[in-house]
Amino acid sequence: MHKVQFLPSYFHIVTKGRILTESGYASPQIDVLVLHPSYPKVLLDKKLYLAGGVAAAFECKTTLKATHVIAAVKTASEIRKNLPDQSGSPYKELNSSIIYGLLAHSHSWKRENSKPIENIENALWESDSANVDHPIQLLDFIAVSDIAT
């Protein structure tokens, strides 16, 4: 069996790390971080990663619950509130330097007539209202394998 590579081999993939911003803010622990190829190799095992070197961050869940969605939005928002302001164009003002997503194998809404996509959307709306002040702070995506979203 061979290992499937989804990203080019020059990206560094690390697990269970925190993002450190210029302001001194350190995020909660994040499950998977994708670091830019230029990230200093000597710092790869420190578990506190400089925000400027982080390309993407992912929270990973086996079984997604509404509380996971709410927590992911809060974390994404807090990280992005502590990144340097980007201005000068609508693109810069609406796109964060760090992609932030929530990945799950499955979800907890398995009963007959349950509506997992609607439940996820409701959790997103609730958390966005409570935590997000600007569109750049939004969670970039949620991927749930068994509902293909």
N, C-alpha and C. Protein backbone atom coordinates (compact mmCIF):
# COMPACT_ATOMS: atom_id res chain seq x y z
N MET A 1 0.85 -1.18 0.00
CA MET A 1 0.00 0.00 0.00
C MET A 1 0.89 1.24 0.00
N HIS A 2 0.60 2.19 -0.87
CA HIS A 2 1.40 3.40 -0.93
C HIS A 2 0.67 4.57 -0.25
N LYS A 3 1.45 5.50 0.20
CA LYS A 3 0.91 6.67 0.90
C LYS A 3 0.41 7.68 -0.14
N VAL A 4 -0.81 8.14 0.03
CA VAL A 4 -1.39 9.12 -0.88
C VAL A 4 -0.99 10.52 -0.41
N GLN A 5 -0.48 11.33 -1.32
CA GLN A 5 -0.07 12.69 -1.00
C GLN A 5 -1.08 13.67 -1.60
N PHE A 6 -1.70 14.49 -0.77
CA PHE A 6 -2.65 15.48 -1.25
C PHE A 6 -1.99 16.84 -1.47
N LEU A 7 -0.88 17.06 -0.82
CA LEU A 7 -0.15 18.32 -0.95
C LEU A 7 1.24 18.04 -1.51
N PRO A 8 1.83 19.00 -2.16
CA PRO A 8 3.21 18.82 -2.62
C PRO A 8 4.12 18.51 -1.42
N SER A 9 5.14 17.72 -1.65
CA SER A 9 6.01 17.26 -0.57
C SER A 9 6.80 18.39 0.09
N TYR A 10 6.89 19.53 -0.53
CA TYR A 10 7.68 20.61 0.06
C TYR A 10 6.94 21.35 1.19
N PHE A 11 5.64 21.14 1.37
CA PHE A 11 4.94 21.71 2.52
C PHE A 11 5.25 20.87 3.75
N HIS A 12 5.37 21.52 4.89
CA HIS A 12 5.58 20.81 6.15
C HIS A 12 4.22 20.61 6.81
N ILE A 13 3.92 19.39 7.21
CA ILE A 13 2.67 19.08 7.90
C ILE A 13 3.03 18.71 9.34
N VAL A 14 2.42 19.41 10.29
CA VAL A 14 2.67 19.12 11.70
C VAL A 14 1.34 18.92 12.41
N THR A 15 1.37 18.22 13.51
CA THR A 15 0.15 17.96 14.27
C THR A 15 0.25 18.55 15.67
N LYS A 16 -0.91 18.87 16.19
CA LYS A 16 -1.05 19.36 17.56
C LYS A 16 -0.11 20.52 17.88
N GLY A 17 -0.38 21.64 17.22
CA GLY A 17 0.43 22.82 17.45
C GLY A 17 -0.44 24.04 17.69
N ARG A 18 0.20 25.10 18.11
CA ARG A 18 -0.48 26.38 18.35
C ARG A 18 0.11 27.43 17.42
N ILE A 19 -0.70 28.41 17.06
CA ILE A 19 -0.25 29.48 16.18
C ILE A 19 0.07 30.70 17.04
N LEU A 20 1.26 31.26 16.83
CA LEU A 20 1.70 32.45 17.55
C LEU A 20 1.69 33.64 16.59
N THR A 21 0.92 34.68 16.93
CA THR A 21 0.82 35.86 16.07
C THR A 21 1.82 36.93 16.51
N GLU A 22 1.98 37.94 15.67
CA GLU A 22 2.89 39.05 15.98
C GLU A 22 2.50 39.77 17.25
N SER A 23 1.21 39.80 17.56
CA SER A 23 0.72 40.50 18.75
C SER A 23 1.02 39.75 20.04
N GLY A 24 1.51 38.50 19.92
CA GLY A 24 1.79 37.69 21.11
C GLY A 24 0.68 36.71 21.44
N TYR A 25 -0.41 36.76 20.70
CA TYR A 25 -1.52 35.83 20.93
C TYR A 25 -1.09 34.42 20.51
N ALA A 26 -1.37 33.45 21.35
CA ALA A 26 -1.13 32.05 21.03
C ALA A 26 -2.48 31.34 21.00
N SER A 27 -2.78 30.71 19.89
CA SER A 27 -4.07 30.03 19.71
C SER A 27 -4.18 28.82 20.61
N PRO A 28 -5.39 28.30 20.74
CA PRO A 28 -5.53 26.98 21.36
C PRO A 28 -4.84 25.95 20.46
N GLN A 29 -4.65 24.76 20.98
CA GLN A 29 -4.02 23.71 20.18
C GLN A 29 -4.89 23.38 18.96
N ILE A 30 -4.25 23.26 17.81
CA ILE A 30 -4.92 22.94 16.56
C ILE A 30 -4.39 21.59 16.08
N ASP A 31 -5.28 20.77 15.52
CA ASP A 31 -4.92 19.39 15.18
C ASP A 31 -3.87 19.27 14.08
N VAL A 32 -4.04 19.97 12.97
CA VAL A 32 -3.11 19.85 11.84
C VAL A 32 -2.77 21.25 11.32
N LEU A 33 -1.48 21.49 11.13
CA LEU A 33 -1.02 22.74 10.55
C LEU A 33 -0.21 22.44 9.30
N VAL A 34 -0.45 23.21 8.26
CA VAL A 34 0.34 23.12 7.03
C VAL A 34 1.23 24.35 7.02
N LEU A 35 2.54 24.13 7.03
CA LEU A 35 3.49 25.23 7.07
C LEU A 35 4.08 25.48 5.69
N HIS A 36 4.38 26.73 5.42
CA HIS A 36 4.99 27.10 4.15
C HIS A 36 6.33 26.38 3.99
N PRO A 37 6.73 26.11 2.76
CA PRO A 37 8.01 25.45 2.51
C PRO A 37 9.20 26.19 3.13
N SER A 38 9.09 27.50 3.24
CA SER A 38 10.21 28.30 3.76
C SER A 38 10.27 28.32 5.29
N TYR A 39 9.34 27.63 5.96
CA TYR A 39 9.35 27.64 7.43
C TYR A 39 10.67 27.06 7.92
N PRO A 40 11.33 27.72 8.87
CA PRO A 40 12.64 27.24 9.32
C PRO A 40 12.59 25.82 9.90
N LYS A 41 13.40 24.95 9.37
CA LYS A 41 13.40 23.55 9.81
C LYS A 41 13.73 23.42 11.30
N VAL A 42 14.56 24.30 11.81
CA VAL A 42 14.96 24.24 13.21
C VAL A 42 13.77 24.50 14.15
N LEU A 43 12.70 25.11 13.63
CA LEU A 43 11.52 25.42 14.45
C LEU A 43 10.37 24.44 14.26
N LEU A 44 10.55 23.41 13.45
CA LEU A 44 9.45 22.51 13.11
C LEU A 44 8.93 21.67 14.28
N ASP A 45 9.72 21.47 15.30
CA ASP A 45 9.29 20.61 16.41
C ASP A 45 8.93 21.39 17.67
N LYS A 46 8.71 22.68 17.55
CA LYS A 46 8.50 23.52 18.73
C LYS A 46 7.06 23.56 19.23
N LYS A 47 6.09 23.16 18.42
CA LYS A 47 4.66 23.11 18.77
C LYS A 47 4.03 24.49 18.99
N LEU A 48 4.79 25.54 18.76
CA LEU A 48 4.29 26.91 18.75
C LEU A 48 4.81 27.50 17.44
N TYR A 49 3.92 27.69 16.48
CA TYR A 49 4.32 28.02 15.12
C TYR A 49 4.01 29.47 14.78
N LEU A 50 4.96 30.15 14.18
CA LEU A 50 4.80 31.55 13.82
C LEU A 50 3.73 31.70 12.74
N ALA A 51 2.77 32.59 12.96
CA ALA A 51 1.63 32.74 12.06
C ALA A 51 2.05 33.03 10.62
N GLY A 52 3.11 33.79 10.44
CA GLY A 52 3.57 34.12 9.10
C GLY A 52 4.02 32.91 8.30
N GLY A 53 4.31 31.81 8.97
CA GLY A 53 4.75 30.60 8.30
C GLY A 53 3.67 29.54 8.15
N VAL A 54 2.45 29.85 8.61
CA VAL A 54 1.35 28.89 8.55
C VAL A 54 0.50 29.16 7.30
N ALA A 55 0.39 28.16 6.45
CA ALA A 55 -0.44 28.27 5.24
C ALA A 55 -1.89 27.90 5.55
N ALA A 56 -2.08 26.87 6.37
CA ALA A 56 -3.44 26.40 6.67
C ALA A 56 -3.45 25.71 8.02
N ALA A 57 -4.64 25.69 8.62
CA ALA A 57 -4.82 25.03 9.91
C ALA A 57 -6.17 24.31 9.89
N PHE A 58 -6.19 23.11 10.46
CA PHE A 58 -7.41 22.30 10.43
C PHE A 58 -7.69 21.69 11.79
N GLU A 59 -8.94 21.82 12.21
CA GLU A 59 -9.41 21.06 13.36
C GLU A 59 -10.02 19.79 12.80
N CYS A 60 -9.72 18.66 13.41
CA CYS A 60 -10.17 17.36 12.90
C CYS A 60 -11.02 16.66 13.95
N LYS A 61 -12.17 16.16 13.51
CA LYS A 61 -13.09 15.46 14.40
C LYS A 61 -13.51 14.15 13.77
N THR A 62 -13.68 13.14 14.59
CA THR A 62 -14.20 11.87 14.10
C THR A 62 -15.70 12.01 13.85
N THR A 63 -16.41 12.50 14.86
CA THR A 63 -17.86 12.69 14.77
C THR A 63 -18.18 14.14 15.08
N LEU A 64 -18.62 14.87 14.08
CA LEU A 64 -18.89 16.30 14.22
C LEU A 64 -20.15 16.56 15.04
N LYS A 65 -20.06 17.54 15.94
CA LYS A 65 -21.19 18.01 16.75
C LYS A 65 -21.28 19.52 16.58
N ALA A 66 -22.42 20.08 16.91
CA ALA A 66 -22.60 21.53 16.80
C ALA A 66 -21.57 22.28 17.63
N THR A 67 -21.21 21.75 18.79
CA THR A 67 -20.22 22.42 19.64
C THR A 67 -18.86 22.52 18.95
N HIS A 68 -18.53 21.53 18.10
CA HIS A 68 -17.26 21.58 17.36
C HIS A 68 -17.27 22.72 16.35
N VAL A 69 -18.40 22.91 15.69
CA VAL A 69 -18.53 24.00 14.71
C VAL A 69 -18.38 25.33 15.43
N ILE A 70 -19.06 25.49 16.54
CA ILE A 70 -19.00 26.73 17.30
C ILE A 70 -17.58 27.02 17.77
N ALA A 71 -16.89 26.01 18.27
CA ALA A 71 -15.52 26.19 18.74
C ALA A 71 -14.56 26.52 17.60
N ALA A 72 -14.74 25.89 16.44
CA ALA A 72 -13.86 26.16 15.29
C ALA A 72 -14.03 27.59 14.80
N VAL A 73 -15.26 28.07 14.73
CA VAL A 73 -15.50 29.46 14.31
C VAL A 73 -14.85 30.41 15.30
N LYS A 74 -15.00 30.14 16.58
CA LYS A 74 -14.41 31.00 17.60
C LYS A 74 -12.89 31.04 17.48
N THR A 75 -12.27 29.88 17.28
CA THR A 75 -10.81 29.83 17.15
C THR A 75 -10.35 30.56 15.90
N ALA A 76 -11.00 30.31 14.76
CA ALA A 76 -10.64 30.98 13.52
C ALA A 76 -10.74 32.50 13.68
N SER A 77 -11.82 32.94 14.30
CA SER A 77 -12.04 34.37 14.50
C SER A 77 -10.96 34.98 15.39
N GLU A 78 -10.64 34.32 16.48
CA GLU A 78 -9.63 34.85 17.41
C GLU A 78 -8.25 34.92 16.76
N ILE A 79 -7.89 33.89 16.02
CA ILE A 79 -6.59 33.92 15.33
C ILE A 79 -6.55 35.11 14.38
N ARG A 80 -7.58 35.25 13.59
CA ARG A 80 -7.59 36.28 12.55
C ARG A 80 -7.71 37.70 13.13
N LYS A 81 -8.34 37.83 14.29
CA LYS A 81 -8.39 39.14 14.95
C LYS A 81 -6.98 39.56 15.40
N ASN A 82 -6.10 38.59 15.59
CA ASN A 82 -4.76 38.86 16.08
C ASN A 82 -3.69 38.86 14.99
N LEU A 83 -4.09 38.68 13.74
CA LEU A 83 -3.16 38.79 12.62
C LEU A 83 -3.06 40.26 12.22
N PRO A 84 -1.96 40.65 11.59
CA PRO A 84 -1.85 42.04 11.12
C PRO A 84 -2.97 42.36 10.12
N ASP A 85 -3.46 43.59 10.17
CA ASP A 85 -4.48 44.03 9.22
C ASP A 85 -3.92 44.00 7.81
N GLN A 86 -4.75 43.53 6.89
CA GLN A 86 -4.39 43.55 5.48
C GLN A 86 -5.34 44.53 4.80
N SER A 87 -4.79 45.49 4.12
CA SER A 87 -5.66 46.44 3.44
C SER A 87 -5.04 46.80 2.10
N GLY A 88 -5.80 47.54 1.32
CA GLY A 88 -5.30 47.97 0.04
C GLY A 88 -6.12 47.47 -1.13
N SER A 89 -6.83 46.36 -0.90
CA SER A 89 -7.71 45.83 -1.94
C SER A 89 -8.78 44.99 -1.27
N PRO A 90 -9.93 44.83 -1.94
CA PRO A 90 -10.97 43.95 -1.37
C PRO A 90 -10.46 42.53 -1.15
N TYR A 91 -9.62 42.03 -2.06
CA TYR A 91 -9.08 40.68 -1.90
C TYR A 91 -8.31 40.55 -0.59
N LYS A 92 -7.40 41.48 -0.33
CA LYS A 92 -6.60 41.44 0.90
C LYS A 92 -7.48 41.56 2.14
N GLU A 93 -8.50 42.40 2.06
CA GLU A 93 -9.35 42.64 3.22
C GLU A 93 -10.31 41.49 3.51
N LEU A 94 -10.55 40.62 2.53
CA LEU A 94 -11.50 39.52 2.70
C LEU A 94 -10.88 38.14 2.77
N ASN A 95 -9.57 38.04 2.52
CA ASN A 95 -8.90 36.74 2.52
C ASN A 95 -7.76 36.73 3.51
N SER A 96 -7.85 35.83 4.45
CA SER A 96 -6.82 35.71 5.48
C SER A 96 -5.57 35.05 4.91
N SER A 97 -4.45 35.31 5.54
CA SER A 97 -3.20 34.67 5.13
C SER A 97 -3.16 33.21 5.56
N ILE A 98 -4.07 32.80 6.45
CA ILE A 98 -4.14 31.41 6.92
C ILE A 98 -5.51 30.83 6.56
N ILE A 99 -5.53 29.76 5.82
CA ILE A 99 -6.77 29.03 5.55
C ILE A 99 -7.12 28.27 6.83
N TYR A 100 -8.38 28.35 7.25
CA TYR A 100 -8.78 27.66 8.48
C TYR A 100 -10.03 26.83 8.21
N GLY A 101 -9.95 25.53 8.50
CA GLY A 101 -11.08 24.67 8.23
C GLY A 101 -11.33 23.63 9.32
N LEU A 102 -12.48 23.01 9.22
CA LEU A 102 -12.91 21.96 10.13
C LEU A 102 -13.18 20.71 9.31
N LEU A 103 -12.51 19.61 9.64
CA LEU A 103 -12.63 18.35 8.91
C LEU A 103 -13.24 17.29 9.82
N ALA A 104 -14.16 16.49 9.28
CA ALA A 104 -14.77 15.43 10.08
C ALA A 104 -15.05 14.21 9.21
N HIS A 105 -14.94 13.04 9.83
CA HIS A 105 -15.29 11.80 9.12
C HIS A 105 -16.79 11.63 9.01
N SER A 106 -17.49 11.98 10.09
CA SER A 106 -18.93 11.77 10.14
C SER A 106 -19.56 12.87 10.99
N HIS A 107 -20.81 12.69 11.35
CA HIS A 107 -21.54 13.68 12.15
C HIS A 107 -22.43 12.95 13.16
N SER A 108 -22.93 13.71 14.12
CA SER A 108 -23.72 13.11 15.20
C SER A 108 -25.21 13.06 14.92
N TRP A 109 -25.67 13.58 13.79
CA TRP A 109 -27.09 13.68 13.49
C TRP A 109 -27.51 12.50 12.62
N LYS A 110 -27.71 11.32 13.23
CA LYS A 110 -27.96 10.08 12.50
C LYS A 110 -29.40 9.59 12.55
N ARG A 111 -30.22 10.20 13.36
CA ARG A 111 -31.61 9.73 13.47
C ARG A 111 -32.36 9.93 12.16
N GLU A 112 -33.37 9.12 11.98
CA GLU A 112 -34.21 9.27 10.79
C GLU A 112 -34.82 10.67 10.78
N ASN A 113 -34.88 11.27 9.62
CA ASN A 113 -35.40 12.62 9.41
C ASN A 113 -34.53 13.73 10.00
N SER A 114 -33.34 13.39 10.49
CA SER A 114 -32.46 14.46 10.96
C SER A 114 -31.89 15.19 9.75
N LYS A 115 -31.46 16.39 9.97
CA LYS A 115 -30.97 17.24 8.88
C LYS A 115 -29.57 17.74 9.23
N PRO A 116 -28.54 16.92 8.98
CA PRO A 116 -27.19 17.30 9.39
C PRO A 116 -26.69 18.59 8.75
N ILE A 117 -26.97 18.80 7.47
CA ILE A 117 -26.49 20.02 6.82
C ILE A 117 -27.16 21.24 7.42
N GLU A 118 -28.45 21.14 7.67
CA GLU A 118 -29.16 22.25 8.32
C GLU A 118 -28.63 22.50 9.73
N ASN A 119 -28.31 21.44 10.45
CA ASN A 119 -27.76 21.60 11.80
C ASN A 119 -26.40 22.28 11.77
N ILE A 120 -25.58 21.92 10.81
CA ILE A 120 -24.27 22.56 10.66
C ILE A 120 -24.45 24.04 10.32
N GLU A 121 -25.34 24.32 9.38
CA GLU A 121 -25.60 25.71 9.01
C GLU A 121 -26.09 26.53 10.20
N ASN A 122 -26.98 25.96 11.00
CA ASN A 122 -27.49 26.67 12.18
C ASN A 122 -26.37 26.96 13.18
N ALA A 123 -25.49 25.98 13.39
CA ALA A 123 -24.36 26.19 14.30
C ALA A 123 -23.42 27.27 13.76
N LEU A 124 -23.23 27.29 12.45
CA LEU A 124 -22.40 28.33 11.83
C LEU A 124 -23.01 29.71 12.04
N TRP A 125 -24.31 29.85 11.76
CA TRP A 125 -24.97 31.14 11.93
C TRP A 125 -24.87 31.62 13.37
N GLU A 126 -25.13 30.70 14.31
CA GLU A 126 -25.07 31.06 15.74
C GLU A 126 -23.67 31.53 16.13
N SER A 127 -22.66 30.78 15.73
CA SER A 127 -21.30 31.11 16.10
C SER A 127 -20.78 32.35 15.38
N ASP A 128 -21.15 32.49 14.11
CA ASP A 128 -20.75 33.70 13.37
C ASP A 128 -21.31 34.94 14.05
N SER A 129 -22.58 34.89 14.45
CA SER A 129 -23.21 36.04 15.11
C SER A 129 -22.51 36.40 16.42
N ALA A 130 -22.05 35.39 17.14
CA ALA A 130 -21.44 35.62 18.45
C ALA A 130 -19.96 35.98 18.39
N ASN A 131 -19.25 35.57 17.33
CA ASN A 131 -17.78 35.69 17.34
C ASN A 131 -17.17 36.50 16.22
N VAL A 132 -17.87 36.71 15.14
CA VAL A 132 -17.27 37.31 13.95
C VAL A 132 -17.68 38.77 13.80
N ASP A 133 -16.66 39.64 13.65
CA ASP A 133 -16.89 41.08 13.48
C ASP A 133 -16.66 41.52 12.03
N HIS A 134 -15.95 40.71 11.25
CA HIS A 134 -15.57 41.08 9.89
C HIS A 134 -15.50 39.79 9.07
N PRO A 135 -15.86 39.83 7.80
CA PRO A 135 -15.86 38.61 6.97
C PRO A 135 -14.53 37.84 6.94
N ILE A 136 -13.41 38.54 7.12
CA ILE A 136 -12.12 37.84 7.09
C ILE A 136 -11.99 36.85 8.25
N GLN A 137 -12.79 37.02 9.29
CA GLN A 137 -12.71 36.16 10.48
C GLN A 137 -13.52 34.87 10.34
N LEU A 138 -14.27 34.73 9.26
CA LEU A 138 -15.10 33.53 9.07
C LEU A 138 -14.27 32.27 8.87
N LEU A 139 -14.84 31.15 9.27
CA LEU A 139 -14.26 29.85 8.98
C LEU A 139 -14.28 29.66 7.47
N ASP A 140 -13.21 29.13 6.88
CA ASP A 140 -13.15 28.98 5.42
C ASP A 140 -14.00 27.85 4.91
N PHE A 141 -14.00 26.72 5.62
CA PHE A 141 -14.83 25.60 5.16
C PHE A 141 -15.01 24.55 6.25
N ILE A 142 -16.02 23.74 6.04
CA ILE A 142 -16.25 22.54 6.84
C ILE A 142 -16.38 21.40 5.86
N ALA A 143 -15.66 20.32 6.08
CA ALA A 143 -15.76 19.13 5.23
C ALA A 143 -16.16 17.94 6.09
N VAL A 144 -17.27 17.31 5.74
CA VAL A 144 -17.75 16.14 6.46
C VAL A 144 -17.85 15.00 5.44
N SER A 145 -17.02 13.98 5.60
CA SER A 145 -16.89 12.94 4.59
C SER A 145 -18.20 12.25 4.23
N ASP A 146 -18.96 11.83 5.23
CA ASP A 146 -20.13 11.01 4.89
C ASP A 146 -21.37 11.78 4.43
N ILE A 147 -21.27 13.12 4.37
CA ILE A 147 -22.35 13.87 3.73
C ILE A 147 -21.82 14.69 2.55
N ALA A 148 -20.58 14.42 2.19
CA ALA A 148 -19.96 15.03 1.00
C ALA A 148 -20.09 16.55 0.97
N THR A 149 -19.80 17.19 2.10
CA THR A 149 -19.84 18.66 2.13
C THR A 149 -18.49 19.18 2.56
